[in-house]
């Protein structure tokens, strides 16, 4: 994809992956911390939020050592809510932003649907 001038955003699961993807020419390295926590199908175990900044910085440093122009984003695992992303971003040196998926679509939808359904169930007949 990089050879075709397409934007590349691979998920990485280790410092080695980050290094390899940076060497392959990835534009954006996505530090994937696992299945997003929370909601009805979210992960219940995995990386603790307190550990996410150090892990993110470790993988980011590996990528940036190979390609200092790469952008590094954090995604998944315990980084499920805006305050989680803010914590990681404020606590890292090499993370440039957040890559949202479940936290931007699944979790807000689950909350909205649950609340709306509760309101309909409260109607007196």
PDB file of N, CA and C in Angstrom:
ATOM      1  N   UNK A   1       0.828  -1.199   0.000  1.00  0.00           N
ATOM      2  CA  UNK A   1       0.000   0.000   0.000  1.00  0.00           C
ATOM      3  C   UNK A   1       0.868   1.258   0.000  1.00  0.00           C
ATOM      4  N   UNK A   2       1.934   1.238   0.800  1.00  0.00           N
ATOM      5  CA  UNK A   2       2.819   2.410   0.851  1.00  0.00           C
ATOM      6  C   UNK A   2       3.435   2.676  -0.515  1.00  0.00           C
ATOM      7  N   UNK A   3       3.759   1.615  -1.252  1.00  0.00           N
ATOM      8  CA  UNK A   3       4.337   1.768  -2.591  1.00  0.00           C
ATOM      9  C   UNK A   3       3.347   2.383  -3.573  1.00  0.00           C
ATOM     10  N   UNK A   4       2.072   2.301  -3.254  1.00  0.00           N
ATOM     11  CA  UNK A   4       1.033   2.871  -4.119  1.00  0.00           C
ATOM     12  C   UNK A   4       0.569   4.235  -3.618  1.00  0.00           C
ATOM     13  N   UNK A   5       1.320   4.800  -2.703  1.00  0.00           N
ATOM     14  CA  UNK A   5       1.030   6.122  -2.143  1.00  0.00           C
ATOM     15  C   UNK A   5      -0.319   6.166  -1.421  1.00  0.00           C
ATOM     16  N   UNK A   6      -0.664   5.047  -0.778  1.00  0.00           N
ATOM     17  CA  UNK A   6      -1.881   4.978   0.018  1.00  0.00           C
ATOM     18  C   UNK A   6      -1.517   5.202   1.480  1.00  0.00           C
ATOM     19  N   UNK A   7      -2.406   5.829   2.220  1.00  0.00           N
ATOM     20  CA  UNK A   7      -2.198   6.015   3.651  1.00  0.00           C
ATOM     21  C   UNK A   7      -2.234   4.654   4.332  1.00  0.00           C
ATOM     22  N   UNK A   8      -1.224   4.376   5.158  1.00  0.00           N
ATOM     23  CA  UNK A   8      -1.137   3.085   5.832  1.00  0.00           C
ATOM     24  C   UNK A   8      -1.202   3.281   7.336  1.00  0.00           C
ATOM     25  N   UNK A   9      -2.068   2.474   7.992  1.00  0.00           N
ATOM     26  CA  UNK A   9      -2.277   2.592   9.440  1.00  0.00           C
ATOM     27  C   UNK A   9      -2.321   1.209  10.088  1.00  0.00           C
ATOM     28  N   UNK A  10      -1.226   0.474  10.078  1.00  0.00           N
ATOM     29  CA  UNK A  10      -1.260  -0.873  10.645  1.00  0.00           C
ATOM     30  C   UNK A  10      -1.369  -0.883  12.161  1.00  0.00           C
ATOM     31  N   UNK A  11      -2.120  -1.861  12.662  1.00  0.00           N
ATOM     32  CA  UNK A  11      -2.137  -2.134  14.100  1.00  0.00           C
ATOM     33  C   UNK A  11      -0.854  -2.886  14.436  1.00  0.00           C
ATOM     34  N   UNK A  12      -0.243  -2.535  15.572  1.00  0.00           N
ATOM     35  CA  UNK A  12       0.931  -3.268  16.050  1.00  0.00           C
ATOM     36  C   UNK A  12       0.647  -3.791  17.450  1.00  0.00           C
ATOM     37  N   UNK A  13       1.231  -4.945  17.750  1.00  0.00           N
ATOM     38  CA  UNK A  13       0.951  -5.637  19.001  1.00  0.00           C
ATOM     39  C   UNK A  13       2.201  -5.852  19.848  1.00  0.00           C
ATOM     40  N   UNK A  14       3.313  -5.236  19.419  1.00  0.00           N
ATOM     41  CA  UNK A  14       4.575  -5.349  20.150  1.00  0.00           C
ATOM     42  C   UNK A  14       5.547  -4.307  19.614  1.00  0.00           C
ATOM     43  N   UNK A  15       6.643  -4.114  20.332  1.00  0.00           N
ATOM     44  CA  UNK A  15       7.687  -3.203  19.860  1.00  0.00           C
ATOM     45  C   UNK A  15       8.272  -3.714  18.543  1.00  0.00           C
ATOM     46  N   UNK A  16       8.414  -5.027  18.425  1.00  0.00           N
ATOM     47  CA  UNK A  16       8.931  -5.608  17.185  1.00  0.00           C
ATOM     48  C   UNK A  16       8.022  -5.327  16.005  1.00  0.00           C
ATOM     49  N   UNK A  17       6.711  -5.475  16.216  1.00  0.00           N
ATOM     50  CA  UNK A  17       5.750  -5.144  15.160  1.00  0.00           C
ATOM     51  C   UNK A  17       5.872  -3.679  14.768  1.00  0.00           C
ATOM     52  N   UNK A  18       5.985  -2.811  15.761  1.00  0.00           N
ATOM     53  CA  UNK A  18       6.078  -1.370  15.499  1.00  0.00           C
ATOM     54  C   UNK A  18       7.313  -1.060  14.663  1.00  0.00           C
ATOM     55  N   UNK A  19       8.414  -1.662  15.022  1.00  0.00           N
ATOM     56  CA  UNK A  19       9.671  -1.477  14.286  1.00  0.00           C
ATOM     57  C   UNK A  19       9.511  -1.974  12.841  1.00  0.00           C
ATOM     58  N   UNK A  20       8.930  -3.160  12.686  1.00  0.00           N
ATOM     59  CA  UNK A  20       8.758  -3.742  11.352  1.00  0.00           C
ATOM     60  C   UNK A  20       7.832  -2.904  10.479  1.00  0.00           C
ATOM     61  N   UNK A  21       6.743  -2.427  11.033  1.00  0.00           N
ATOM     62  CA  UNK A  21       5.791  -1.635  10.249  1.00  0.00           C
ATOM     63  C   UNK A  21       6.385  -0.274   9.871  1.00  0.00           C
ATOM     64  N   UNK A  22       7.155   0.311  10.774  1.00  0.00           N
ATOM     65  CA  UNK A  22       7.835   1.569  10.454  1.00  0.00           C
ATOM     66  C   UNK A  22       8.846   1.343   9.334  1.00  0.00           C
ATOM     67  N   UNK A  23       9.568   0.237   9.394  1.00  0.00           N
ATOM     68  CA  UNK A  23      10.549  -0.084   8.353  1.00  0.00           C
ATOM     69  C   UNK A  23       9.869  -0.342   7.008  1.00  0.00           C
ATOM     70  N   UNK A  24       8.633  -0.834   7.053  1.00  0.00           N
ATOM     71  CA  UNK A  24       7.883  -1.098   5.824  1.00  0.00           C
ATOM     72  C   UNK A  24       7.293   0.174   5.227  1.00  0.00           C
ATOM     73  N   UNK A  25       7.445   1.297   5.932  1.00  0.00           N
ATOM     74  CA  UNK A  25       6.973   2.573   5.402  1.00  0.00           C
ATOM     75  C   UNK A  25       5.609   3.014   5.877  1.00  0.00           C
ATOM     76  N   UNK A  26       5.107   2.423   6.951  1.00  0.00           N
ATOM     77  CA  UNK A  26       3.785   2.824   7.462  1.00  0.00           C
ATOM     78  C   UNK A  26       3.774   4.306   7.821  1.00  0.00           C
ATOM     79  N   UNK A  27       2.680   4.967   7.480  1.00  0.00           N
ATOM     80  CA  UNK A  27       2.521   6.387   7.796  1.00  0.00           C
ATOM     81  C   UNK A  27       2.144   6.594   9.251  1.00  0.00           C
ATOM     82  N   UNK A  28       1.227   5.755   9.721  1.00  0.00           N
ATOM     83  CA  UNK A  28       0.694   5.862  11.079  1.00  0.00           C
ATOM     84  C   UNK A  28       0.818   4.494  11.738  1.00  0.00           C
ATOM     85  N   UNK A  29       1.433   4.461  12.901  1.00  0.00           N
ATOM     86  CA  UNK A  29       1.568   3.227  13.666  1.00  0.00           C
ATOM     87  C   UNK A  29       0.480   3.250  14.741  1.00  0.00           C
ATOM     88  N   UNK A  30      -0.382   2.244  14.745  1.00  0.00           N
ATOM     89  CA  UNK A  30      -1.469   2.184  15.718  1.00  0.00           C
ATOM     90  C   UNK A  30      -1.104   1.165  16.801  1.00  0.00           C
ATOM     91  N   UNK A  31      -0.808   1.665  17.988  1.00  0.00           N
ATOM     92  CA  UNK A  31      -0.490   0.812  19.133  1.00  0.00           C
ATOM     93  C   UNK A  31      -1.799   0.188  19.602  1.00  0.00           C
ATOM     94  N   UNK A  32      -1.974  -1.094  19.317  1.00  0.00           N
ATOM     95  CA  UNK A  32      -3.221  -1.791  19.627  1.00  0.00           C
ATOM     96  C   UNK A  32      -3.073  -2.500  20.970  1.00  0.00           C
ATOM     97  N   UNK A  33      -3.825  -2.045  21.954  1.00  0.00           N
ATOM     98  CA  UNK A  33      -3.722  -2.581  23.313  1.00  0.00           C
ATOM     99  C   UNK A  33      -4.753  -3.662  23.609  1.00  0.00           C
ATOM    100  N   UNK A  34      -5.385  -4.187  22.571  1.00  0.00           N
ATOM    101  CA  UNK A  34      -6.335  -5.277  22.742  1.00  0.00           C
ATOM    102  C   UNK A  34      -7.768  -4.853  22.487  1.00  0.00           C
ATOM    103  N   UNK A  35      -8.675  -5.811  22.637  1.00  0.00           N
ATOM    104  CA  UNK A  35     -10.101  -5.554  22.484  1.00  0.00           C
ATOM    105  C   UNK A  35     -10.512  -4.440  23.439  1.00  0.00           C
ATOM    106  N   UNK A  36     -11.241  -3.472  22.931  1.00  0.00           N
ATOM    107  CA  UNK A  36     -11.656  -2.339  23.753  1.00  0.00           C
ATOM    108  C   UNK A  36     -12.500  -2.808  24.928  1.00  0.00           C
ATOM    109  N   UNK A  37     -12.164  -2.329  26.098  1.00  0.00           N
ATOM    110  CA  UNK A  37     -12.881  -2.677  27.328  1.00  0.00           C
ATOM    111  C   UNK A  37     -14.242  -1.996  27.361  1.00  0.00           C
ATOM    112  N   UNK A  38     -15.163  -2.595  28.108  1.00  0.00           N
ATOM    113  CA  UNK A  38     -16.456  -1.963  28.345  1.00  0.00           C
ATOM    114  C   UNK A  38     -17.543  -2.426  27.406  1.00  0.00           C
ATOM    115  N   UNK A  39     -18.752  -2.042  27.753  1.00  0.00           N
ATOM    116  CA  UNK A  39     -19.906  -2.417  26.961  1.00  0.00           C
ATOM    117  C   UNK A  39     -20.276  -3.874  27.145  1.00  0.00           C
ATOM    118  N   UNK A  40     -21.186  -4.334  26.317  1.00  0.00           N
ATOM    119  CA  UNK A  40     -21.707  -5.690  26.481  1.00  0.00           C
ATOM    120  C   UNK A  40     -20.760  -6.773  25.976  1.00  0.00           C
ATOM    121  N   UNK A  41     -19.843  -6.425  25.071  1.00  0.00           N
ATOM    122  CA  UNK A  41     -18.924  -7.436  24.540  1.00  0.00           C
ATOM    123  C   UNK A  41     -17.461  -7.055  24.728  1.00  0.00           C
ATOM    124  N   UNK A  42     -17.192  -6.022  25.479  1.00  0.00           N
ATOM    125  CA  UNK A  42     -15.822  -5.549  25.652  1.00  0.00           C
ATOM    126  C   UNK A  42     -14.972  -6.484  26.482  1.00  0.00           C
ATOM    127  N   UNK A  43     -13.670  -6.296  26.369  1.00  0.00           N
ATOM    128  CA  UNK A  43     -12.719  -7.107  27.126  1.00  0.00           C
ATOM    129  C   UNK A  43     -12.879  -6.842  28.617  1.00  0.00           C
ATOM    130  N   UNK A  44     -12.741  -7.882  29.397  1.00  0.00           N
ATOM    131  CA  UNK A  44     -12.799  -7.744  30.848  1.00  0.00           C
ATOM    132  C   UNK A  44     -11.421  -7.879  31.469  1.00  0.00           C
ATOM    133  N   UNK A  45     -10.476  -8.372  30.703  1.00  0.00           N
ATOM    134  CA  UNK A  45      -9.100  -8.491  31.179  1.00  0.00           C
ATOM    135  C   UNK A  45      -8.178  -7.957  30.094  1.00  0.00           C
ATOM    136  N   UNK A  46      -6.970  -7.670  30.466  1.00  0.00           N
ATOM    137  CA  UNK A  46      -6.009  -7.166  29.494  1.00  0.00           C
ATOM    138  C   UNK A  46      -5.097  -6.148  30.136  1.00  0.00           C
ATOM    139  N   UNK A  47      -4.602  -5.247  29.335  1.00  0.00           N
ATOM    140  CA  UNK A  47      -3.695  -4.203  29.800  1.00  0.00           C
ATOM    141  C   UNK A  47      -4.443  -3.261  30.737  1.00  0.00           C
ATOM    142  N   UNK A  48      -3.843  -2.948  31.867  1.00  0.00           N
ATOM    143  CA  UNK A  48      -4.428  -1.967  32.791  1.00  0.00           C
ATOM    144  C   UNK A  48      -4.173  -0.567  32.249  1.00  0.00           C
ATOM    145  N   UNK A  49      -5.119   0.332  32.476  1.00  0.00           N
ATOM    146  CA  UNK A  49      -4.959   1.702  32.004  1.00  0.00           C
ATOM    147  C   UNK A  49      -3.665   2.317  32.534  1.00  0.00           C
ATOM    148  N   UNK A  50      -3.323   2.034  33.775  1.00  0.00           N
ATOM    149  CA  UNK A  50      -2.097   2.590  34.365  1.00  0.00           C
ATOM    150  C   UNK A  50      -0.844   2.144  33.617  1.00  0.00           C
ATOM    151  N   UNK A  51      -0.902   0.978  32.968  1.00  0.00           N
ATOM    152  CA  UNK A  51       0.249   0.455  32.224  1.00  0.00           C
ATOM    153  C   UNK A  51       0.276   0.897  30.766  1.00  0.00           C
ATOM    154  N   UNK A  52      -0.817   1.442  30.278  1.00  0.00           N
ATOM    155  CA  UNK A  52      -0.932   1.795  28.865  1.00  0.00           C
ATOM    156  C   UNK A  52       0.087   2.841  28.407  1.00  0.00           C
ATOM    157  N   UNK A  53       0.357   3.907  29.171  1.00  0.00           N
ATOM    158  CA  UNK A  53       1.329   4.893  28.689  1.00  0.00           C
ATOM    159  C   UNK A  53       2.733   4.323  28.472  1.00  0.00           C
ATOM    160  N   UNK A  54       3.222   3.529  29.404  1.00  0.00           N
ATOM    161  CA  UNK A  54       4.575   2.972  29.265  1.00  0.00           C
ATOM    162  C   UNK A  54       4.654   2.032  28.069  1.00  0.00           C
ATOM    163  N   UNK A  55       3.643   1.202  27.895  1.00  0.00           N
ATOM    164  CA  UNK A  55       3.614   0.279  26.769  1.00  0.00           C
ATOM    165  C   UNK A  55       3.542   1.048  25.451  1.00  0.00           C
ATOM    166  N   UNK A  56       2.690   2.056  25.416  1.00  0.00           N
ATOM    167  CA  UNK A  56       2.552   2.882  24.221  1.00  0.00           C
ATOM    168  C   UNK A  56       3.869   3.558  23.879  1.00  0.00           C
ATOM    169  N   UNK A  57       4.523   4.147  24.865  1.00  0.00           N
ATOM    170  CA  UNK A  57       5.804   4.808  24.613  1.00  0.00           C
ATOM    171  C   UNK A  57       6.881   3.829  24.157  1.00  0.00           C
ATOM    172  N   UNK A  58       6.876   2.624  24.724  1.00  0.00           N
ATOM    173  CA  UNK A  58       7.868   1.615  24.322  1.00  0.00           C
ATOM    174  C   UNK A  58       7.705   1.257  22.846  1.00  0.00           C
ATOM    175  N   UNK A  59       6.475   0.975  22.443  1.00  0.00           N
ATOM    176  CA  UNK A  59       6.225   0.596  21.053  1.00  0.00           C
ATOM    177  C   UNK A  59       6.438   1.786  20.124  1.00  0.00           C
ATOM    178  N   UNK A  60       6.041   2.979  20.575  1.00  0.00           N
ATOM    179  CA  UNK A  60       6.241   4.184  19.770  1.00  0.00           C
ATOM    180  C   UNK A  60       7.726   4.444  19.548  1.00  0.00           C
ATOM    181  N   UNK A  61       8.516   4.318  20.598  1.00  0.00           N
ATOM    182  CA  UNK A  61       9.960   4.551  20.480  1.00  0.00           C
ATOM    183  C   UNK A  61      10.582   3.590  19.472  1.00  0.00           C
ATOM    184  N   UNK A  62      10.125   2.344  19.469  1.00  0.00           N
ATOM    185  CA  UNK A  62      10.646   1.362  18.514  1.00  0.00           C
ATOM    186  C   UNK A  62      10.343   1.792  17.080  1.00  0.00           C
ATOM    187  N   UNK A  63       9.131   2.283  16.839  1.00  0.00           N
ATOM    188  CA  UNK A  63       8.757   2.735  15.496  1.00  0.00           C
ATOM    189  C   UNK A  63       9.519   3.994  15.106  1.00  0.00           C
ATOM    190  N   UNK A  64       9.587   4.946  16.015  1.00  0.00           N
ATOM    191  CA  UNK A  64      10.214   6.232  15.711  1.00  0.00           C
ATOM    192  C   UNK A  64      11.723   6.122  15.549  1.00  0.00           C
ATOM    193  N   UNK A  65      12.311   5.102  16.137  1.00  0.00           N
ATOM    194  CA  UNK A  65      13.742   4.853  15.952  1.00  0.00           C
ATOM    195  C   UNK A  65      14.029   4.528  14.482  1.00  0.00           C
ATOM    196  N   UNK A  66      13.101   3.830  13.852  1.00  0.00           N
ATOM    197  CA  UNK A  66      13.236   3.439  12.448  1.00  0.00           C
ATOM    198  C   UNK A  66      12.753   4.547  11.520  1.00  0.00           C
ATOM    199  N   UNK A  67      11.636   5.168  11.873  1.00  0.00           N
ATOM    200  CA  UNK A  67      11.047   6.223  11.040  1.00  0.00           C
ATOM    201  C   UNK A  67      10.572   7.371  11.921  1.00  0.00           C
ATOM    202  N   UNK A  68      11.422   8.383  12.107  1.00  0.00           N
ATOM    203  CA  UNK A  68      11.060   9.505  12.984  1.00  0.00           C
ATOM    204  C   UNK A  68       9.875  10.329  12.489  1.00  0.00           C
ATOM    205  N   UNK A  69       9.470  10.126  11.228  1.00  0.00           N
ATOM    206  CA  UNK A  69       8.341  10.879  10.674  1.00  0.00           C
ATOM    207  C   UNK A  69       7.001  10.174  10.861  1.00  0.00           C
ATOM    208  N   UNK A  70       7.021   8.953  11.362  1.00  0.00           N
ATOM    209  CA  UNK A  70       5.765   8.216  11.560  1.00  0.00           C
ATOM    210  C   UNK A  70       4.945   8.877  12.662  1.00  0.00           C
ATOM    211  N   UNK A  71       3.641   8.804  12.515  1.00  0.00           N
ATOM    212  CA  UNK A  71       2.732   9.216  13.582  1.00  0.00           C
ATOM    213  C   UNK A  71       2.378   7.973  14.379  1.00  0.00           C
ATOM    214  N   UNK A  72       2.233   8.128  15.683  1.00  0.00           N
ATOM    215  CA  UNK A  72       1.881   6.998  16.543  1.00  0.00           C
ATOM    216  C   UNK A  72       0.580   7.325  17.268  1.00  0.00           C
ATOM    217  N   UNK A  73      -0.393   6.426  17.140  1.00  0.00           N
ATOM    218  CA  UNK A  73      -1.685   6.582  17.798  1.00  0.00           C
ATOM    219  C   UNK A  73      -1.927   5.384  18.703  1.00  0.00           C
ATOM    220  N   UNK A  74      -2.656   5.602  19.785  1.00  0.00           N
ATOM    221  CA  UNK A  74      -3.010   4.515  20.702  1.00  0.00           C
ATOM    222  C   UNK A  74      -4.449   4.098  20.424  1.00  0.00           C
ATOM    223  N   UNK A  75      -4.730   2.813  20.652  1.00  0.00           N
ATOM    224  CA  UNK A  75      -6.056   2.282  20.345  1.00  0.00           C
ATOM    225  C   UNK A  75      -6.369   1.078  21.226  1.00  0.00           C
ATOM    226  N   UNK A  76      -7.616   0.959  21.621  1.00  0.00           N
ATOM    227  CA  UNK A  76      -8.132  -0.263  22.213  1.00  0.00           C
ATOM    228  C   UNK A  76      -7.779  -0.508  23.661  1.00  0.00           C
ATOM    229  N   UNK A  77      -8.044  -1.743  24.076  1.00  0.00           N
ATOM    230  CA  UNK A  77      -7.782  -2.148  25.451  1.00  0.00           C
ATOM    231  C   UNK A  77      -8.493  -1.248  26.442  1.00  0.00           C
ATOM    232  N   UNK A  78      -7.749  -0.726  27.405  1.00  0.00           N
ATOM    233  CA  UNK A  78      -8.361   0.097  28.441  1.00  0.00           C
ATOM    234  C   UNK A  78      -8.683   1.520  27.985  1.00  0.00           C
ATOM    235  N   UNK A  79      -8.271   1.875  26.776  1.00  0.00           N
ATOM    236  CA  UNK A  79      -8.497   3.235  26.275  1.00  0.00           C
ATOM    237  C   UNK A  79      -9.857   3.251  25.581  1.00  0.00           C
ATOM    238  N   UNK A  80     -10.909   3.327  26.396  1.00  0.00           N
ATOM    239  CA  UNK A  80     -12.272   3.185  25.898  1.00  0.00           C
ATOM    240  C   UNK A  80     -13.076   4.480  25.946  1.00  0.00           C
ATOM    241  N   UNK A  81     -12.727   5.366  26.839  1.00  0.00           N
ATOM    242  CA  UNK A  81     -13.490   6.595  27.048  1.00  0.00           C
ATOM    243  C   UNK A  81     -12.585   7.802  26.804  1.00  0.00           C
ATOM    244  N   UNK A  82     -13.172   8.978  26.569  1.00  0.00           N
ATOM    245  CA  UNK A  82     -12.349  10.168  26.332  1.00  0.00           C
ATOM    246  C   UNK A  82     -11.339  10.440  27.446  1.00  0.00           C
ATOM    247  N   UNK A  83     -11.749  10.219  28.689  1.00  0.00           N
ATOM    248  CA  UNK A  83     -10.818  10.472  29.795  1.00  0.00           C
ATOM    249  C   UNK A  83      -9.663   9.467  29.805  1.00  0.00           C
ATOM    250  N   UNK A  84      -9.893   8.259  29.300  1.00  0.00           N
ATOM    251  CA  UNK A  84      -8.819   7.268  29.183  1.00  0.00           C
ATOM    252  C   UNK A  84      -7.800   7.729  28.145  1.00  0.00           C
ATOM    253  N   UNK A  85      -8.303   8.177  27.001  1.00  0.00           N
ATOM    254  CA  UNK A  85      -7.409   8.672  25.947  1.00  0.00           C
ATOM    255  C   UNK A  85      -6.633   9.886  26.437  1.00  0.00           C
ATOM    256  N   UNK A  86      -7.303  10.789  27.137  1.00  0.00           N
ATOM    257  CA  UNK A  86      -6.624  11.981  27.664  1.00  0.00           C
ATOM    258  C   UNK A  86      -5.505  11.582  28.616  1.00  0.00           C
ATOM    259  N   UNK A  87      -5.762  10.598  29.475  1.00  0.00           N
ATOM    260  CA  UNK A  87      -4.739  10.129  30.414  1.00  0.00           C
ATOM    261  C   UNK A  87      -3.515   9.602  29.670  1.00  0.00           C
ATOM    262  N   UNK A  88      -3.744   8.746  28.677  1.00  0.00           N
ATOM    263  CA  UNK A  88      -2.618   8.168  27.939  1.00  0.00           C
ATOM    264  C   UNK A  88      -1.862   9.259  27.183  1.00  0.00           C
ATOM    265  N   UNK A  89      -2.583  10.142  26.527  1.00  0.00           N
ATOM    266  CA  UNK A  89      -1.922  11.190  25.744  1.00  0.00           C
ATOM    267  C   UNK A  89      -1.113  12.136  26.624  1.00  0.00           C
ATOM    268  N   UNK A  90      -1.616  12.435  27.808  1.00  0.00           N
ATOM    269  CA  UNK A  90      -0.890  13.322  28.728  1.00  0.00           C
ATOM    270  C   UNK A  90       0.279  12.618  29.408  1.00  0.00           C
ATOM    271  N   UNK A  91       0.260  11.288  29.399  1.00  0.00           N
ATOM    272  CA  UNK A  91       1.265  10.512  30.131  1.00  0.00           C
ATOM    273  C   UNK A  91       2.321   9.874  29.231  1.00  0.00           C
ATOM    274  N   UNK A  92       2.303  10.201  27.947  1.00  0.00           N
ATOM    275  CA  UNK A  92       3.281   9.634  27.013  1.00  0.00           C
ATOM    276  C   UNK A  92       4.125  10.733  26.392  1.00  0.00           C
ATOM    277  N   UNK A  93       5.283  10.338  25.915  1.00  0.00           N
ATOM    278  CA  UNK A  93       6.167  11.278  25.220  1.00  0.00           C
ATOM    279  C   UNK A  93       6.053  11.149  23.710  1.00  0.00           C
ATOM    280  N   UNK A  94       5.681   9.962  23.233  1.00  0.00           N
ATOM    281  CA  UNK A  94       5.760   9.690  21.800  1.00  0.00           C
ATOM    282  C   UNK A  94       4.441   9.344  21.131  1.00  0.00           C
ATOM    283  N   UNK A  95       3.334   9.527  21.823  1.00  0.00           N
ATOM    284  CA  UNK A  95       2.033   9.218  21.242  1.00  0.00           C
ATOM    285  C   UNK A  95       1.416  10.512  20.715  1.00  0.00           C
ATOM    286  N   UNK A  96       1.007  10.483  19.449  1.00  0.00           N
ATOM    287  CA  UNK A  96       0.511  11.687  18.788  1.00  0.00           C
ATOM    288  C   UNK A  96      -1.004  11.826  18.801  1.00  0.00           C
ATOM    289  N   UNK A  97      -1.715  10.769  19.201  1.00  0.00           N
ATOM    290  CA  UNK A  97      -3.168  10.865  19.199  1.00  0.00           C
ATOM    291  C   UNK A  97      -3.834   9.535  19.478  1.00  0.00           C
ATOM    292  N   UNK A  98      -5.135   9.509  19.264  1.00  0.00           N
ATOM    293  CA  UNK A  98      -5.983   8.360  19.576  1.00  0.00           C
ATOM    294  C   UNK A  98      -6.668   7.878  18.304  1.00  0.00           C
ATOM    295  N   UNK A  99      -6.756   6.572  18.126  1.00  0.00           N
ATOM    296  CA  UNK A  99      -7.396   5.946  16.970  1.00  0.00           C
ATOM    297  C   UNK A  99      -8.668   5.272  17.470  1.00  0.00           C
ATOM    298  N   UNK A 100      -9.803   5.873  17.217  1.00  0.00           N
ATOM    299  CA  UNK A 100     -11.059   5.379  17.765  1.00  0.00           C
ATOM    300  C   UNK A 100     -11.763   4.395  16.851  1.00  0.00           C
ATOM    301  N   UNK A 101     -12.394   3.412  17.456  1.00  0.00           N
ATOM    302  CA  UNK A 101     -13.249   2.460  16.738  1.00  0.00           C
ATOM    303  C   UNK A 101     -14.428   2.158  17.661  1.00  0.00           C
ATOM    304  N   UNK A 102     -14.356   1.082  18.439  1.00  0.00           N
ATOM    305  CA  UNK A 102     -15.459   0.744  19.348  1.00  0.00           C
ATOM    306  C   UNK A 102     -15.788   1.889  20.293  1.00  0.00           C
ATOM    307  N   UNK A 103     -14.790   2.598  20.724  1.00  0.00           N
ATOM    308  CA  UNK A 103     -15.008   3.702  21.661  1.00  0.00           C
ATOM    309  C   UNK A 103     -15.766   4.860  21.021  1.00  0.00           C
ATOM    310  N   UNK A 104     -15.775   4.909  19.692  1.00  0.00           N
ATOM    311  CA  UNK A 104     -16.445   5.988  18.980  1.00  0.00           C
ATOM    312  C   UNK A 104     -17.792   5.562  18.391  1.00  0.00           C
ATOM    313  N   UNK A 105     -17.991   4.245  18.236  1.00  0.00           N
ATOM    314  CA  UNK A 105     -19.253   3.814  17.636  1.00  0.00           C
ATOM    315  C   UNK A 105     -19.980   2.780  18.480  1.00  0.00           C
ATOM    316  N   UNK A 106     -19.326   1.698  18.889  1.00  0.00           N
ATOM    317  CA  UNK A 106     -20.035   0.658  19.645  1.00  0.00           C
ATOM    318  C   UNK A 106     -20.461   1.130  21.025  1.00  0.00           C
ATOM    319  N   UNK A 107     -19.535   1.665  21.803  1.00  0.00           N
ATOM    320  CA  UNK A 107     -19.867   2.047  23.185  1.00  0.00           C
ATOM    321  C   UNK A 107     -20.933   3.141  23.256  1.00  0.00           C
ATOM    322  N   UNK A 108     -20.810   4.242  22.508  1.00  0.00           N
ATOM    323  CA  UNK A 108     -21.874   5.259  22.577  1.00  0.00           C
ATOM    324  C   UNK A 108     -23.231   4.735  22.106  1.00  0.00           C
ATOM    325  N   UNK A 109     -23.226   3.863  21.111  1.00  0.00           N
ATOM    326  CA  UNK A 109     -24.476   3.296  20.606  1.00  0.00           C
ATOM    327  C   UNK A 109     -25.126   2.403  21.653  1.00  0.00           C
ATOM    328  N   UNK A 110     -24.314   1.578  22.325  1.00  0.00           N
ATOM    329  CA  UNK A 110     -24.861   0.711  23.378  1.00  0.00           C
ATOM    330  C   UNK A 110     -25.509   1.533  24.481  1.00  0.00           C
ATOM    331  N   UNK A 111     -24.859   2.592  24.898  1.00  0.00           N
ATOM    332  CA  UNK A 111     -25.401   3.444  25.963  1.00  0.00           C
ATOM    333  C   UNK A 111     -26.711   4.077  25.507  1.00  0.00           C
ATOM    334  N   UNK A 112     -26.710   4.645  24.312  1.00  0.00           N
ATOM    335  CA  UNK A 112     -27.913   5.314  23.808  1.00  0.00           C
ATOM    336  C   UNK A 112     -29.075   4.336  23.645  1.00  0.00           C
ATOM    337  N   UNK A 113     -28.818   3.170  23.081  1.00  0.00           N
ATOM    338  CA  UNK A 113     -29.885   2.188  22.885  1.00  0.00           C
ATOM    339  C   UNK A 113     -30.433   1.683  24.214  1.00  0.00           C
ATOM    340  N   UNK A 114     -29.559   1.437  25.160  1.00  0.00           N
ATOM    341  CA  UNK A 114     -29.992   0.960  26.476  1.00  0.00           C
ATOM    342  C   UNK A 114     -30.862   2.004  27.164  1.00  0.00           C
ATOM    343  N   UNK A 115     -30.423   3.246  27.152  1.00  0.00           N
ATOM    344  CA  UNK A 115     -31.192   4.317  27.799  1.00  0.00           C
ATOM    345  C   UNK A 115     -32.543   4.521  27.122  1.00  0.00           C
ATOM    346  N   UNK A 116     -32.561   4.524  25.805  1.00  0.00           N
ATOM    347  CA  UNK A 116     -33.819   4.725  25.077  1.00  0.00           C
ATOM    348  C   UNK A 116     -34.780   3.567  25.329  1.00  0.00           C
ATOM    349  N   UNK A 117     -34.274   2.347  25.343  1.00  0.00           N
ATOM    350  CA  UNK A 117     -35.116   1.179  25.605  1.00  0.00           C
ATOM    351  C   UNK A 117     -35.715   1.248  27.003  1.00  0.00           C
ATOM    352  N   UNK A 118     -34.919   1.654  27.985  1.00  0.00           N
ATOM    353  CA  UNK A 118     -35.429   1.809  29.356  1.00  0.00           C
ATOM    354  C   UNK A 118     -36.581   2.808  29.396  1.00  0.00           C
ATOM    355  N   UNK A 119     -36.462   3.904  28.669  1.00  0.00           N
ATOM    356  CA  UNK A 119     -37.519   4.923  28.650  1.00  0.00           C
ATOM    357  C   UNK A 119     -38.811   4.360  28.064  1.00  0.00           C
ATOM    358  N   UNK A 120     -38.695   3.583  26.986  1.00  0.00           N
ATOM    359  CA  UNK A 120     -39.890   2.988  26.400  1.00  0.00           C
ATOM    360  C   UNK A 120     -40.513   1.965  27.339  1.00  0.00           C
ATOM    361  N   UNK A 121     -39.694   1.214  28.051  1.00  0.00           N
ATOM    362  CA  UNK A 121     -40.212   0.211  28.978  1.00  0.00           C
ATOM    363  C   UNK A 121     -40.924   0.846  30.172  1.00  0.00           C
ATOM    364  N   UNK A 122     -40.640   2.101  30.454  1.00  0.00           N
ATOM    365  CA  UNK A 122     -41.260   2.801  31.582  1.00  0.00           C
ATOM    366  C   UNK A 122     -42.647   3.347  31.261  1.00  0.00           C
ATOM    367  N   UNK A 123     -43.084   3.244  30.016  1.00  0.00           N
ATOM    368  CA  UNK A 123     -44.406   3.750  29.633  1.00  0.00           C
ATOM    369  C   UNK A 123     -45.482   2.912  30.319  1.00  0.00           C
ATOM    370  N   UNK A 124     -46.402   3.602  31.001  1.00  0.00           N
ATOM    371  CA  UNK A 124     -47.535   2.916  31.628  1.00  0.00           C
ATOM    372  C   UNK A 124     -48.602   2.653  30.571  1.00  0.00           C
ATOM    373  N   UNK A 125     -49.087   1.447  30.565  1.00  0.00           N
ATOM    374  CA  UNK A 125     -50.149   1.092  29.606  1.00  0.00           C
ATOM    375  C   UNK A 125     -51.485   1.052  30.289  1.00  0.00           C
TER     376      UNK A 125
END
